[in-house]
Amino acid sequence: YEKINNVRDSRVRTVRIDQQYRAVVLHPDDGDVYVLVWVDNHDEAM
């Protein structure tokens, strides 16, 4: 899980799908429901 700098939502993380693609996931502050919200090329996902 990688944090993105300068994001509006502090729960946003990216995860590596492969060298080119990242998925965007909401990483809960508490609780245990993670939400995949987007997948794209690395820079576009960020």
ModelCIF file with pLDDT and N, C-alpha, C, O atoms, coordinates in Angstrom:
data_MODEL
#
_entry.id   MODEL 
#
_entity.id                         1 
_entity.type                       polymer 
_entity.pdbx_number_of_molecules   1 
#
_entity_poly.entity_id                      1 
_entity_poly.type                           'polypeptide(L)' 
_entity_poly.nstd_linkage                   no 
_entity_poly.nstd_monomer                   no 
_entity_poly.pdbx_seq_one_letter_code       YEKINNVRDSRVRTVRIDQQYRAVVLHPDDGDVYVLVWVDNHDEAM 
_entity_poly.pdbx_seq_one_letter_code_can   YEKINNVRDSRVRTVRIDQQYRAVVLHPDDGDVYVLVWVDNHDEAM 
_entity_poly.pdbx_strand_id                 A 
#
loop_
_entity_poly_seq.entity_id 
_entity_poly_seq.num 
_entity_poly_seq.mon_id 
_entity_poly_seq.hetero 
1 1  TYR n 
1 2  GLU n 
1 3  LYS n 
1 4  ILE n 
1 5  ASN n 
1 6  ASN n 
1 7  VAL n 
1 8  ARG n 
1 9  ASP n 
1 10 SER n 
1 11 ARG n 
1 12 VAL n 
1 13 ARG n 
1 14 THR n 
1 15 VAL n 
1 16 ARG n 
1 17 ILE n 
1 18 ASP n 
1 19 GLN n 
1 20 GLN n 
1 21 TYR n 
1 22 ARG n 
1 23 ALA n 
1 24 VAL n 
1 25 VAL n 
1 26 LEU n 
1 27 HIS n 
1 28 PRO n 
1 29 ASP n 
1 30 ASP n 
1 31 GLY n 
1 32 ASP n 
1 33 VAL n 
1 34 TYR n 
1 35 VAL n 
1 36 LEU n 
1 37 VAL n 
1 38 TRP n 
1 39 VAL n 
1 40 ASP n 
1 41 ASN n 
1 42 HIS n 
1 43 ASP n 
1 44 GLU n 
1 45 ALA n 
1 46 MET n 
#
_struct_asym.id          A 
_struct_asym.entity_id   1 
#
loop_
_ma_qa_metric.id 
_ma_qa_metric.mode 
_ma_qa_metric.name 
_ma_qa_metric.software_group_id 
_ma_qa_metric.type 
1 global pLDDT . pLDDT 
2 local  pLDDT . pLDDT 
#
_ma_qa_metric_global.metric_id      1 
_ma_qa_metric_global.metric_value   92.35 
_ma_qa_metric_global.model_id       1 
_ma_qa_metric_global.ordinal_id     1 
#
loop_
_ma_qa_metric_local.label_asym_id 
_ma_qa_metric_local.label_comp_id 
_ma_qa_metric_local.label_seq_id 
_ma_qa_metric_local.metric_id 
_ma_qa_metric_local.metric_value 
_ma_qa_metric_local.model_id 
_ma_qa_metric_local.ordinal_id 
A TYR 1  2 91.00 1 1  
A GLU 2  2 92.00 1 2  
A LYS 3  2 90.00 1 3  
A ILE 4  2 88.00 1 4  
A ASN 5  2 88.00 1 5  
A ASN 6  2 88.00 1 6  
A VAL 7  2 90.00 1 7  
A ARG 8  2 91.00 1 8  
A ASP 9  2 90.00 1 9  
A SER 10 2 89.00 1 10 
A ARG 11 2 91.00 1 11 
A VAL 12 2 94.00 1 12 
A ARG 13 2 94.00 1 13 
A THR 14 2 94.00 1 14 
A VAL 15 2 95.00 1 15 
A ARG 16 2 94.00 1 16 
A ILE 17 2 96.00 1 17 
A ASP 18 2 94.00 1 18 
A GLN 19 2 93.00 1 19 
A GLN 20 2 95.00 1 20 
A TYR 21 2 96.00 1 21 
A ARG 22 2 96.00 1 22 
A ALA 23 2 97.00 1 23 
A VAL 24 2 97.00 1 24 
A VAL 25 2 96.00 1 25 
A LEU 26 2 93.00 1 26 
A HIS 27 2 87.00 1 27 
A PRO 28 2 85.00 1 28 
A ASP 29 2 81.00 1 29 
A ASP 30 2 83.00 1 30 
A GLY 31 2 83.00 1 31 
A ASP 32 2 89.00 1 32 
A VAL 33 2 91.00 1 33 
A TYR 34 2 93.00 1 34 
A VAL 35 2 94.00 1 35 
A LEU 36 2 97.00 1 36 
A VAL 37 2 96.00 1 37 
A TRP 38 2 97.00 1 38 
A VAL 39 2 98.00 1 39 
A ASP 40 2 97.00 1 40 
A ASN 41 2 96.00 1 41 
A HIS 42 2 94.00 1 42 
A ASP 43 2 93.00 1 43 
A GLU 44 2 95.00 1 44 
A ALA 45 2 95.00 1 45 
A MET 46 2 92.00 1 46 
#
loop_
_atom_site.group_PDB 
_atom_site.id 
_atom_site.type_symbol 
_atom_site.label_atom_id 
_atom_site.label_alt_id 
_atom_site.label_comp_id 
_atom_site.label_asym_id 
_atom_site.label_entity_id 
_atom_site.label_seq_id 
_atom_site.pdbx_PDB_ins_code 
_atom_site.Cartn_x 
_atom_site.Cartn_y 
_atom_site.Cartn_z 
_atom_site.occupancy 
_atom_site.B_iso_or_equiv 
_atom_site.pdbx_formal_charge 
_atom_site.auth_seq_id 
_atom_site.auth_comp_id 
_atom_site.auth_asym_id 
_atom_site.auth_atom_id 
_atom_site.pdbx_PDB_model_num 
ATOM 1   N N  . TYR A 1 1  ? 0.859   -1.191 0.000   1.00 91.00 ? 1  TYR A N  1 
ATOM 2   C CA . TYR A 1 1  ? 0.000   0.000  0.000   1.00 91.00 ? 1  TYR A CA 1 
ATOM 3   C C  . TYR A 1 1  ? 0.890   1.234  0.000   1.00 91.00 ? 1  TYR A C  1 
ATOM 4   O O  . TYR A 1 1  ? 1.745   1.384  0.873   1.00 91.00 ? 1  TYR A O  1 
ATOM 5   N N  . GLU A 1 2  ? 0.698   2.109  -0.961  1.00 92.00 ? 2  GLU A N  1 
ATOM 6   C CA . GLU A 1 2  ? 1.505   3.334  -1.022  1.00 92.00 ? 2  GLU A CA 1 
ATOM 7   C C  . GLU A 1 2  ? 0.600   4.547  -0.907  1.00 92.00 ? 2  GLU A C  1 
ATOM 8   O O  . GLU A 1 2  ? -0.388  4.676  -1.631  1.00 92.00 ? 2  GLU A O  1 
ATOM 9   N N  . LYS A 1 3  ? 0.954   5.437  0.019   1.00 90.00 ? 3  LYS A N  1 
ATOM 10  C CA . LYS A 1 3  ? 0.245   6.707  0.147   1.00 90.00 ? 3  LYS A CA 1 
ATOM 11  C C  . LYS A 1 3  ? 0.607   7.604  -1.019  1.00 90.00 ? 3  LYS A C  1 
ATOM 12  O O  . LYS A 1 3  ? 1.714   7.537  -1.554  1.00 90.00 ? 3  LYS A O  1 
ATOM 13  N N  . ILE A 1 4  ? -0.338  8.442  -1.404  1.00 88.00 ? 4  ILE A N  1 
ATOM 14  C CA . ILE A 1 4  ? -0.084  9.433  -2.444  1.00 88.00 ? 4  ILE A CA 1 
ATOM 15  C C  . ILE A 1 4  ? 0.039   10.776 -1.738  1.00 88.00 ? 4  ILE A C  1 
ATOM 16  O O  . ILE A 1 4  ? -0.799  11.115 -0.902  1.00 88.00 ? 4  ILE A O  1 
ATOM 17  N N  . ASN A 1 5  ? 1.061   11.532 -2.060  1.00 88.00 ? 5  ASN A N  1 
ATOM 18  C CA . ASN A 1 5  ? 1.223   12.861 -1.474  1.00 88.00 ? 5  ASN A CA 1 
ATOM 19  C C  . ASN A 1 5  ? 0.193   13.818 -2.055  1.00 88.00 ? 5  ASN A C  1 
ATOM 20  O O  . ASN A 1 5  ? -0.213  13.689 -3.210  1.00 88.00 ? 5  ASN A O  1 
ATOM 21  N N  . ASN A 1 6  ? -0.219  14.770 -1.246  1.00 88.00 ? 6  ASN A N  1 
ATOM 22  C CA . ASN A 1 6  ? -1.134  15.830 -1.667  1.00 88.00 ? 6  ASN A CA 1 
ATOM 23  C C  . ASN A 1 6  ? -2.469  15.317 -2.198  1.00 88.00 ? 6  ASN A C  1 
ATOM 24  O O  . ASN A 1 6  ? -2.928  15.748 -3.256  1.00 88.00 ? 6  ASN A O  1 
ATOM 25  N N  . VAL A 1 7  ? -3.090  14.395 -1.464  1.00 90.00 ? 7  VAL A N  1 
ATOM 26  C CA . VAL A 1 7  ? -4.418  13.922 -1.839  1.00 90.00 ? 7  VAL A CA 1 
ATOM 27  C C  . VAL A 1 7  ? -5.450  14.517 -0.901  1.00 90.00 ? 7  VAL A C  1 
ATOM 28  O O  . VAL A 1 7  ? -5.140  14.866 0.238   1.00 90.00 ? 7  VAL A O  1 
ATOM 29  N N  . ARG A 1 8  ? -6.680  14.632 -1.386  1.00 91.00 ? 8  ARG A N  1 
ATOM 30  C CA . ARG A 1 8  ? -7.759  15.167 -0.555  1.00 91.00 ? 8  ARG A CA 1 
ATOM 31  C C  . ARG A 1 8  ? -8.211  14.175 0.507   1.00 91.00 ? 8  ARG A C  1 
ATOM 32  O O  . ARG A 1 8  ? -8.557  14.566 1.622   1.00 91.00 ? 8  ARG A O  1 
ATOM 33  N N  . ASP A 1 9  ? -8.209  12.893 0.161   1.00 90.00 ? 9  ASP A N  1 
ATOM 34  C CA . ASP A 1 9  ? -8.718  11.858 1.057   1.00 90.00 ? 9  ASP A CA 1 
ATOM 35  C C  . ASP A 1 9  ? -7.534  11.059 1.605   1.00 90.00 ? 9  ASP A C  1 
ATOM 36  O O  . ASP A 1 9  ? -6.846  10.367 0.856   1.00 90.00 ? 9  ASP A O  1 
ATOM 37  N N  . SER A 1 10 ? -7.306  11.157 2.891   1.00 89.00 ? 10 SER A N  1 
ATOM 38  C CA . SER A 1 10 ? -6.129  10.526 3.500   1.00 89.00 ? 10 SER A CA 1 
ATOM 39  C C  . SER A 1 10 ? -6.187  9.000  3.479   1.00 89.00 ? 10 SER A C  1 
ATOM 40  O O  . SER A 1 10 ? -5.181  8.346  3.758   1.00 89.00 ? 10 SER A O  1 
ATOM 41  N N  . ARG A 1 11 ? -7.330  8.428  3.158   1.00 91.00 ? 11 ARG A N  1 
ATOM 42  C CA . ARG A 1 11 ? -7.442  6.964  3.110   1.00 91.00 ? 11 ARG A CA 1 
ATOM 43  C C  . ARG A 1 11 ? -6.965  6.379  1.781   1.00 91.00 ? 11 ARG A C  1 
ATOM 44  O O  . ARG A 1 11 ? -6.843  5.161  1.654   1.00 91.00 ? 11 ARG A O  1 
ATOM 45  N N  . VAL A 1 12 ? -6.698  7.222  0.802   1.00 94.00 ? 12 VAL A N  1 
ATOM 46  C CA . VAL A 1 12 ? -6.328  6.749  -0.531  1.00 94.00 ? 12 VAL A CA 1 
ATOM 47  C C  . VAL A 1 12 ? -4.917  6.158  -0.518  1.00 94.00 ? 12 VAL A C  1 
ATOM 48  O O  . VAL A 1 12 ? -3.971  6.761  -0.011  1.00 94.00 ? 12 VAL A O  1 
ATOM 49  N N  . ARG A 1 13 ? -4.812  4.976  -1.086  1.00 94.00 ? 13 ARG A N  1 
ATOM 50  C CA . ARG A 1 13 ? -3.531  4.302  -1.299  1.00 94.00 ? 13 ARG A CA 1 
ATOM 51  C C  . ARG A 1 13 ? -3.547  3.730  -2.711  1.00 94.00 ? 13 ARG A C  1 
ATOM 52  O O  . ARG A 1 13 ? -4.609  3.564  -3.311  1.00 94.00 ? 13 ARG A O  1 
ATOM 53  N N  . THR A 1 14 ? -2.376  3.436  -3.231  1.00 94.00 ? 14 THR A N  1 
ATOM 54  C CA . THR A 1 14 ? -2.309  2.670  -4.466  1.00 94.00 ? 14 THR A CA 1 
ATOM 55  C C  . THR A 1 14 ? -1.645  1.343  -4.154  1.00 94.00 ? 14 THR A C  1 
ATOM 56  O O  . THR A 1 14 ? -0.884  1.216  -3.195  1.00 94.00 ? 14 THR A O  1 
ATOM 57  N N  . VAL A 1 15 ? -1.952  0.358  -4.986  1.00 95.00 ? 15 VAL A N  1 
ATOM 58  C CA . VAL A 1 15 ? -1.330  -0.955 -4.879  1.00 95.00 ? 15 VAL A CA 1 
ATOM 59  C C  . VAL A 1 15 ? -0.856  -1.362 -6.264  1.00 95.00 ? 15 VAL A C  1 
ATOM 60  O O  . VAL A 1 15 ? -1.489  -1.039 -7.270  1.00 95.00 ? 15 VAL A O  1 
ATOM 61  N N  . ARG A 1 16 ? 0.247   -2.065 -6.306  1.00 94.00 ? 16 ARG A N  1 
ATOM 62  C CA . ARG A 1 16 ? 0.844   -2.457 -7.580  1.00 94.00 ? 16 ARG A CA 1 
ATOM 63  C C  . ARG A 1 16 ? 0.105   -3.655 -8.168  1.00 94.00 ? 16 ARG A C  1 
ATOM 64  O O  . ARG A 1 16 ? -0.041  -4.695 -7.524  1.00 94.00 ? 16 ARG A O  1 
ATOM 65  N N  . ILE A 1 17 ? -0.356  -3.486 -9.401  1.00 96.00 ? 17 ILE A N  1 
ATOM 66  C CA . ILE A 1 17 ? -0.909  -4.605 -10.158 1.00 96.00 ? 17 ILE A CA 1 
ATOM 67  C C  . ILE A 1 17 ? 0.223   -5.265 -10.948 1.00 96.00 ? 17 ILE A C  1 
ATOM 68  O O  . ILE A 1 17 ? 0.358   -6.489 -10.965 1.00 96.00 ? 17 ILE A O  1 
ATOM 69  N N  . ASP A 1 18 ? 1.021   -4.438 -11.590 1.00 94.00 ? 18 ASP A N  1 
ATOM 70  C CA . ASP A 1 18 ? 2.255   -4.875 -12.246 1.00 94.00 ? 18 ASP A CA 1 
ATOM 71  C C  . ASP A 1 18 ? 3.152   -3.653 -12.378 1.00 94.00 ? 18 ASP A C  1 
ATOM 72  O O  . ASP A 1 18 ? 2.881   -2.628 -11.752 1.00 94.00 ? 18 ASP A O  1 
ATOM 73  N N  . GLN A 1 19 ? 4.190   -3.731 -13.160 1.00 93.00 ? 19 GLN A N  1 
ATOM 74  C CA . GLN A 1 19 ? 5.120   -2.607 -13.294 1.00 93.00 ? 19 GLN A CA 1 
ATOM 75  C C  . GLN A 1 19 ? 4.464   -1.372 -13.898 1.00 93.00 ? 19 GLN A C  1 
ATOM 76  O O  . GLN A 1 19 ? 4.917   -0.252 -13.658 1.00 93.00 ? 19 GLN A O  1 
ATOM 77  N N  . GLN A 1 20 ? 3.411   -1.560 -14.674 1.00 95.00 ? 20 GLN A N  1 
ATOM 78  C CA . GLN A 1 20 ? 2.772   -0.453 -15.392 1.00 95.00 ? 20 GLN A CA 1 
ATOM 79  C C  . GLN A 1 20 ? 1.481   0.031  -14.734 1.00 95.00 ? 20 GLN A C  1 
ATOM 80  O O  . GLN A 1 20 ? 1.166   1.219  -14.799 1.00 95.00 ? 20 GLN A O  1 
ATOM 81  N N  . TYR A 1 21 ? 0.740   -0.862 -14.111 1.00 96.00 ? 21 TYR A N  1 
ATOM 82  C CA . TYR A 1 21 ? -0.600  -0.532 -13.617 1.00 96.00 ? 21 TYR A CA 1 
ATOM 83  C C  . TYR A 1 21 ? -0.665  -0.500 -12.102 1.00 96.00 ? 21 TYR A C  1 
ATOM 84  O O  . TYR A 1 21 ? 0.004   -1.265 -11.408 1.00 96.00 ? 21 TYR A O  1 
ATOM 85  N N  . ARG A 1 22 ? -1.511  0.430  -11.605 1.00 96.00 ? 22 ARG A N  1 
ATOM 86  C CA . ARG A 1 22 ? -1.777  0.556  -10.168 1.00 96.00 ? 22 ARG A CA 1 
ATOM 87  C C  . ARG A 1 22 ? -3.284  0.563  -9.955  1.00 96.00 ? 22 ARG A C  1 
ATOM 88  O O  . ARG A 1 22 ? -4.036  1.050  -10.799 1.00 96.00 ? 22 ARG A O  1 
ATOM 89  N N  . ALA A 1 23 ? -3.710  0.033  -8.850  1.00 97.00 ? 23 ALA A N  1 
ATOM 90  C CA . ALA A 1 23 ? -5.100  0.147  -8.425  1.00 97.00 ? 23 ALA A CA 1 
ATOM 91  C C  . ALA A 1 23 ? -5.146  1.160  -7.291  1.00 97.00 ? 23 ALA A C  1 
ATOM 92  O O  . ALA A 1 23 ? -4.207  1.271  -6.503  1.00 97.00 ? 23 ALA A O  1 
ATOM 93  N N  . VAL A 1 24 ? -6.235  1.888  -7.220  1.00 97.00 ? 24 VAL A N  1 
ATOM 94  C CA . VAL A 1 24 ? -6.458  2.853  -6.147  1.00 97.00 ? 24 VAL A CA 1 
ATOM 95  C C  . VAL A 1 24 ? -7.416  2.193  -5.156  1.00 97.00 ? 24 VAL A C  1 
ATOM 96  O O  . VAL A 1 24 ? -8.473  1.685  -5.533  1.00 97.00 ? 24 VAL A O  1 
ATOM 97  N N  . VAL A 1 25 ? -7.027  2.212  -3.900  1.00 96.00 ? 25 VAL A N  1 
ATOM 98  C CA . VAL A 1 25 ? -7.816  1.556  -2.860  1.00 96.00 ? 25 VAL A CA 1 
ATOM 99  C C  . VAL A 1 25 ? -8.021  2.515  -1.694  1.00 96.00 ? 25 VAL A C  1 
ATOM 100 O O  . VAL A 1 25 ? -7.126  3.279  -1.334  1.00 96.00 ? 25 VAL A O  1 
ATOM 101 N N  . LEU A 1 26 ? -9.214  2.460  -1.112  1.00 93.00 ? 26 LEU A N  1 
ATOM 102 C CA . LEU A 1 26 ? -9.453  3.174  0.145   1.00 93.00 ? 26 LEU A CA 1 
ATOM 103 C C  . LEU A 1 26 ? -9.022  2.243  1.260   1.00 93.00 ? 26 LEU A C  1 
ATOM 104 O O  . LEU A 1 26 ? -9.549  1.140  1.406   1.00 93.00 ? 26 LEU A O  1 
ATOM 105 N N  . HIS A 1 27 ? -8.077  2.688  2.027   1.00 87.00 ? 27 HIS A N  1 
ATOM 106 C CA . HIS A 1 27 ? -7.500  1.932  3.135   1.00 87.00 ? 27 HIS A CA 1 
ATOM 107 C C  . HIS A 1 27 ? -8.145  2.483  4.404   1.00 87.00 ? 27 HIS A C  1 
ATOM 108 O O  . HIS A 1 27 ? -7.884  3.629  4.772   1.00 87.00 ? 27 HIS A O  1 
ATOM 109 N N  . PRO A 1 28 ? -8.975  1.699  5.075   1.00 85.00 ? 28 PRO A N  1 
ATOM 110 C CA . PRO A 1 28 ? -9.722  2.256  6.211   1.00 85.00 ? 28 PRO A CA 1 
ATOM 111 C C  . PRO A 1 28 ? -8.832  2.679  7.377   1.00 85.00 ? 28 PRO A C  1 
ATOM 112 O O  . PRO A 1 28 ? -7.838  2.027  7.695   1.00 85.00 ? 28 PRO A O  1 
ATOM 113 N N  . ASP A 1 29 ? -9.223  3.805  8.011   1.00 81.00 ? 29 ASP A N  1 
ATOM 114 C CA . ASP A 1 29 ? -8.535  4.228  9.228   1.00 81.00 ? 29 ASP A CA 1 
ATOM 115 C C  . ASP A 1 29 ? -8.830  3.251  10.354  1.00 81.00 ? 29 ASP A C  1 
ATOM 116 O O  . ASP A 1 29 ? -7.961  2.919  11.160  1.00 81.00 ? 29 ASP A O  1 
ATOM 117 N N  . ASP A 1 30 ? -10.058 2.806  10.388  1.00 83.00 ? 30 ASP A N  1 
ATOM 118 C CA . ASP A 1 30 ? -10.453 1.752  11.316  1.00 83.00 ? 30 ASP A CA 1 
ATOM 119 C C  . ASP A 1 30 ? -11.469 0.884  10.591  1.00 83.00 ? 30 ASP A C  1 
ATOM 120 O O  . ASP A 1 30 ? -11.957 1.256  9.524   1.00 83.00 ? 30 ASP A O  1 
ATOM 121 N N  . GLY A 1 31 ? -11.782 -0.246 11.151  1.00 83.00 ? 31 GLY A N  1 
ATOM 122 C CA . GLY A 1 31 ? -12.638 -1.183 10.438  1.00 83.00 ? 31 GLY A CA 1 
ATOM 123 C C  . GLY A 1 31 ? -11.806 -2.011 9.483   1.00 83.00 ? 31 GLY A C  1 
ATOM 124 O O  . GLY A 1 31 ? -10.582 -1.895 9.435   1.00 83.00 ? 31 GLY A O  1 
ATOM 125 N N  . ASP A 1 32 ? -12.489 -2.844 8.725   1.00 89.00 ? 32 ASP A N  1 
ATOM 126 C CA . ASP A 1 32 ? -11.734 -3.760 7.880   1.00 89.00 ? 32 ASP A CA 1 
ATOM 127 C C  . ASP A 1 32 ? -12.338 -3.942 6.487   1.00 89.00 ? 32 ASP A C  1 
ATOM 128 O O  . ASP A 1 32 ? -12.241 -5.019 5.898   1.00 89.00 ? 32 ASP A O  1 
ATOM 129 N N  . VAL A 1 33 ? -12.963 -2.880 5.966   1.00 91.00 ? 33 VAL A N  1 
ATOM 130 C CA . VAL A 1 33 ? -13.466 -2.925 4.597   1.00 91.00 ? 33 VAL A CA 1 
ATOM 131 C C  . VAL A 1 33 ? -12.581 -2.036 3.731   1.00 91.00 ? 33 VAL A C  1 
ATOM 132 O O  . VAL A 1 33 ? -12.545 -0.817 3.899   1.00 91.00 ? 33 VAL A O  1 
ATOM 133 N N  . TYR A 1 34 ? -11.874 -2.663 2.812   1.00 93.00 ? 34 TYR A N  1 
ATOM 134 C CA . TYR A 1 34 ? -11.040 -1.971 1.844   1.00 93.00 ? 34 TYR A CA 1 
ATOM 135 C C  . TYR A 1 34 ? -11.857 -1.858 0.559   1.00 93.00 ? 34 TYR A C  1 
ATOM 136 O O  . TYR A 1 34 ? -12.613 -2.769 0.223   1.00 93.00 ? 34 TYR A O  1 
ATOM 137 N N  . VAL A 1 35 ? -11.709 -0.743 -0.159  1.00 94.00 ? 35 VAL A N  1 
ATOM 138 C CA . VAL A 1 35 ? -12.518 -0.532 -1.353  1.00 94.00 ? 35 VAL A CA 1 
ATOM 139 C C  . VAL A 1 35 ? -11.614 -0.204 -2.542  1.00 94.00 ? 35 VAL A C  1 
ATOM 140 O O  . VAL A 1 35 ? -10.880 0.783  -2.524  1.00 94.00 ? 35 VAL A O  1 
ATOM 141 N N  . LEU A 1 36 ? -11.680 -1.043 -3.569  1.00 97.00 ? 36 LEU A N  1 
ATOM 142 C CA . LEU A 1 36 ? -10.991 -0.755 -4.823  1.00 97.00 ? 36 LEU A CA 1 
ATOM 143 C C  . LEU A 1 36 ? -11.842 0.239  -5.590  1.00 97.00 ? 36 LEU A C  1 
ATOM 144 O O  . LEU A 1 36 ? -13.010 -0.035 -5.867  1.00 97.00 ? 36 LEU A O  1 
ATOM 145 N N  . VAL A 1 37 ? -11.277 1.393  -5.939  1.00 96.00 ? 37 VAL A N  1 
ATOM 146 C CA . VAL A 1 37 ? -12.061 2.453  -6.573  1.00 96.00 ? 37 VAL A CA 1 
ATOM 147 C C  . VAL A 1 37 ? -11.633 2.762  -8.004  1.00 96.00 ? 37 VAL A C  1 
ATOM 148 O O  . VAL A 1 37 ? -12.408 3.361  -8.751  1.00 96.00 ? 37 VAL A O  1 
ATOM 149 N N  . TRP A 1 38 ? -10.407 2.368  -8.418  1.00 97.00 ? 38 TRP A N  1 
ATOM 150 C CA . TRP A 1 38 ? -9.945  2.689  -9.770  1.00 97.00 ? 38 TRP A CA 1 
ATOM 151 C C  . TRP A 1 38 ? -8.740  1.828  -10.105 1.00 97.00 ? 38 TRP A C  1 
ATOM 152 O O  . TRP A 1 38 ? -8.027  1.377  -9.209  1.00 97.00 ? 38 TRP A O  1 
ATOM 153 N N  . VAL A 1 39 ? -8.513  1.600  -11.375 1.00 98.00 ? 39 VAL A N  1 
ATOM 154 C CA . VAL A 1 39 ? -7.300  0.933  -11.846 1.00 98.00 ? 39 VAL A CA 1 
ATOM 155 C C  . VAL A 1 39 ? -6.925  1.557  -13.184 1.00 98.00 ? 39 VAL A C  1 
ATOM 156 O O  . VAL A 1 39 ? -7.781  1.804  -14.033 1.00 98.00 ? 39 VAL A O  1 
ATOM 157 N N  . ASP A 1 40 ? -5.616  1.808  -13.356 1.00 97.00 ? 40 ASP A N  1 
ATOM 158 C CA . ASP A 1 40 ? -5.165  2.499  -14.566 1.00 97.00 ? 40 ASP A CA 1 
ATOM 159 C C  . ASP A 1 40 ? -3.645  2.411  -14.632 1.00 97.00 ? 40 ASP A C  1 
ATOM 160 O O  . ASP A 1 40 ? -3.004  1.843  -13.748 1.00 97.00 ? 40 ASP A O  1 
ATOM 161 N N  . ASN A 1 41 ? -3.079  2.984  -15.695 1.00 96.00 ? 41 ASN A N  1 
ATOM 162 C CA . ASN A 1 41 ? -1.631  3.159  -15.769 1.00 96.00 ? 41 ASN A CA 1 
ATOM 163 C C  . ASN A 1 41 ? -1.182  3.926  -14.526 1.00 96.00 ? 41 ASN A C  1 
ATOM 164 O O  . ASN A 1 41 ? -1.952  4.701  -13.958 1.00 96.00 ? 41 ASN A O  1 
ATOM 165 N N  . HIS A 1 42 ? 0.037   3.713  -14.117 1.00 94.00 ? 42 HIS A N  1 
ATOM 166 C CA . HIS A 1 42 ? 0.559   4.293  -12.884 1.00 94.00 ? 42 HIS A CA 1 
ATOM 167 C C  . HIS A 1 42 ? 0.256   5.783  -12.753 1.00 94.00 ? 42 HIS A C  1 
ATOM 168 O O  . HIS A 1 42 ? -0.411  6.186  -11.800 1.00 94.00 ? 42 HIS A O  1 
ATOM 169 N N  . ASP A 1 43 ? 0.725   6.605  -13.681 1.00 93.00 ? 43 ASP A N  1 
ATOM 170 C CA . ASP A 1 43 ? 0.569   8.056  -13.556 1.00 93.00 ? 43 ASP A CA 1 
ATOM 171 C C  . ASP A 1 43 ? -0.895  8.487  -13.628 1.00 93.00 ? 43 ASP A C  1 
ATOM 172 O O  . ASP A 1 43 ? -1.314  9.391  -12.905 1.00 93.00 ? 43 ASP A O  1 
ATOM 173 N N  . GLU A 1 44 ? -1.663  7.848  -14.490 1.00 95.00 ? 44 GLU A N  1 
ATOM 174 C CA . GLU A 1 44 ? -3.076  8.189  -14.619 1.00 95.00 ? 44 GLU A CA 1 
ATOM 175 C C  . GLU A 1 44 ? -3.854  7.820  -13.355 1.00 95.00 ? 44 GLU A C  1 
ATOM 176 O O  . GLU A 1 44 ? -4.750  8.553  -12.937 1.00 95.00 ? 44 GLU A O  1 
ATOM 177 N N  . ALA A 1 45 ? -3.511  6.696  -12.755 1.00 95.00 ? 45 ALA A N  1 
ATOM 178 C CA . ALA A 1 45 ? -4.169  6.296  -11.507 1.00 95.00 ? 45 ALA A CA 1 
ATOM 179 C C  . ALA A 1 45 ? -3.872  7.295  -10.396 1.00 95.00 ? 45 ALA A C  1 
ATOM 180 O O  . ALA A 1 45 ? -4.765  7.660  -9.631  1.00 95.00 ? 45 ALA A O  1 
ATOM 181 N N  . MET A 1 46 ? -2.640  7.733  -10.309 1.00 92.00 ? 46 MET A N  1 
ATOM 182 C CA . MET A 1 46 ? -2.254  8.718  -9.288  1.00 92.00 ? 46 MET A CA 1 
ATOM 183 C C  . MET A 1 46 ? -2.994  10.033 -9.511  1.00 92.00 ? 46 MET A C  1 
ATOM 184 O O  . MET A 1 46 ? -2.803  10.985 -8.754  1.00 92.00 ? 46 MET A O  1 
#
